[in-house]
Amino acid sequence: MSTLPVSRLRADAREAYLTHLLSLGGEDVRLRFGSALTAGAIEAYVSRIDFDTDTIFAVYRDDLQLAGAAHVAFAGDFAEIG
């Protein structure tokens, strides 16, 4: 069993995260967001991420391309994971 390193993305990785999300197929977008979204809606979502309060954990492939990510958005005492 191999392990994959997980890293925390900073604001300077916003474009890489957007590229990753835009590369997802329709079913993966639906599973991630709960509905089908346009590229514009995904771009708007990524532009609103506050990297000072939210956290995005990422896993990279061997070629250093983003393979997967989990966004943890905080609101007071609550968090949403996507």
Protein backbone atom coordinates (compact mmCIF):
# COMPACT_ATOMS: atom_id res chain seq x y z
CA MET A 1 0.00 0.00 0.00
CA SER A 2 1.42 3.36 -0.98
CA THR A 3 0.61 6.65 0.64
CA LEU A 4 0.00 9.93 -1.12
CA PRO A 5 1.28 13.16 0.38
CA VAL A 6 -1.41 15.71 1.10
CA SER A 7 -0.59 19.40 1.05
CA ARG A 8 -2.49 22.52 2.00
CA LEU A 9 -3.04 24.91 -0.90
CA ARG A 10 -2.32 28.60 -0.57
CA ALA A 11 -3.95 31.42 -2.53
CA ASP A 12 -1.21 31.24 -5.16
CA ALA A 13 -2.56 27.78 -6.13
CA ARG A 14 -6.02 29.15 -6.94
CA GLU A 15 -5.43 28.79 -10.70
CA ALA A 16 -4.27 25.17 -10.32
CA TYR A 17 -7.38 24.37 -8.29
CA LEU A 18 -9.58 26.00 -10.93
CA THR A 19 -7.84 24.06 -13.70
CA HIS A 20 -8.41 20.84 -11.77
CA LEU A 21 -12.11 21.52 -11.26
CA LEU A 22 -12.62 22.52 -14.90
CA SER A 23 -11.00 19.26 -16.00
CA LEU A 24 -13.61 17.17 -14.15
CA GLY A 25 -16.24 15.35 -16.17
CA GLY A 26 -19.92 16.18 -15.79
CA GLU A 27 -20.66 13.38 -13.33
CA ASP A 28 -17.66 14.31 -11.16
CA VAL A 29 -18.80 17.96 -11.12
CA ARG A 30 -22.27 16.83 -10.07
CA LEU A 31 -20.84 14.65 -7.31
CA ARG A 32 -18.57 17.46 -6.08
CA PHE A 33 -21.13 20.28 -6.14
CA GLY A 34 -24.42 18.41 -5.89
CA SER A 35 -25.56 19.63 -9.32
CA ALA A 36 -24.25 20.36 -12.78
CA LEU A 37 -22.37 23.67 -12.96
CA THR A 38 -21.14 25.72 -15.87
CA ALA A 39 -17.48 26.65 -16.19
CA GLY A 40 -18.44 30.21 -15.25
CA ALA A 41 -20.10 29.05 -12.04
CA ILE A 42 -17.02 27.02 -11.13
CA GLU A 43 -14.78 30.02 -11.84
CA ALA A 44 -16.98 32.20 -9.61
CA TYR A 45 -16.83 29.61 -6.82
CA VAL A 46 -13.03 29.43 -6.95
CA SER A 47 -12.70 33.22 -7.05
CA ARG A 48 -14.74 33.48 -3.80
CA ILE A 49 -12.57 31.08 -1.79
CA ASP A 50 -11.03 32.88 1.17
CA PHE A 51 -7.70 31.18 1.76
CA ASP A 52 -7.32 33.01 5.08
CA THR A 53 -10.31 31.20 6.60
CA ASP A 54 -10.86 28.14 4.39
CA THR A 55 -8.51 25.25 3.76
CA ILE A 56 -8.01 23.19 0.62
CA PHE A 57 -6.13 19.93 1.00
CA ALA A 58 -4.65 18.60 -2.24
CA VAL A 59 -3.13 15.41 -3.57
CA TYR A 60 -0.83 15.51 -6.60
CA ARG A 61 -0.03 12.94 -9.27
CA ASP A 62 3.54 11.91 -10.04
CA ASP A 63 3.65 14.60 -12.77
CA LEU A 64 2.78 17.20 -10.07
CA GLN A 65 -0.67 17.90 -11.52
CA LEU A 66 -3.49 18.23 -9.00
CA ALA A 67 -5.25 14.87 -8.72
CA GLY A 68 -7.81 15.62 -6.03
CA ALA A 69 -8.74 18.17 -3.43
CA ALA A 70 -10.99 18.70 -0.44
CA HIS A 71 -12.22 22.20 0.38
CA VAL A 72 -13.05 22.85 4.02
CA ALA A 73 -15.05 26.07 4.34
CA PHE A 74 -15.55 27.47 7.81
CA ALA A 75 -18.49 29.54 9.06
CA GLY A 76 -18.31 30.22 12.77
CA ASP A 77 -18.40 26.92 14.64
CA PHE A 78 -19.40 24.97 11.52
CA ALA A 79 -17.50 23.64 8.53
CA GLU A 80 -18.56 22.33 5.13
CA ILE A 81 -16.38 19.82 3.29
CA GLY A 82 -16.51 19.58 -0.49
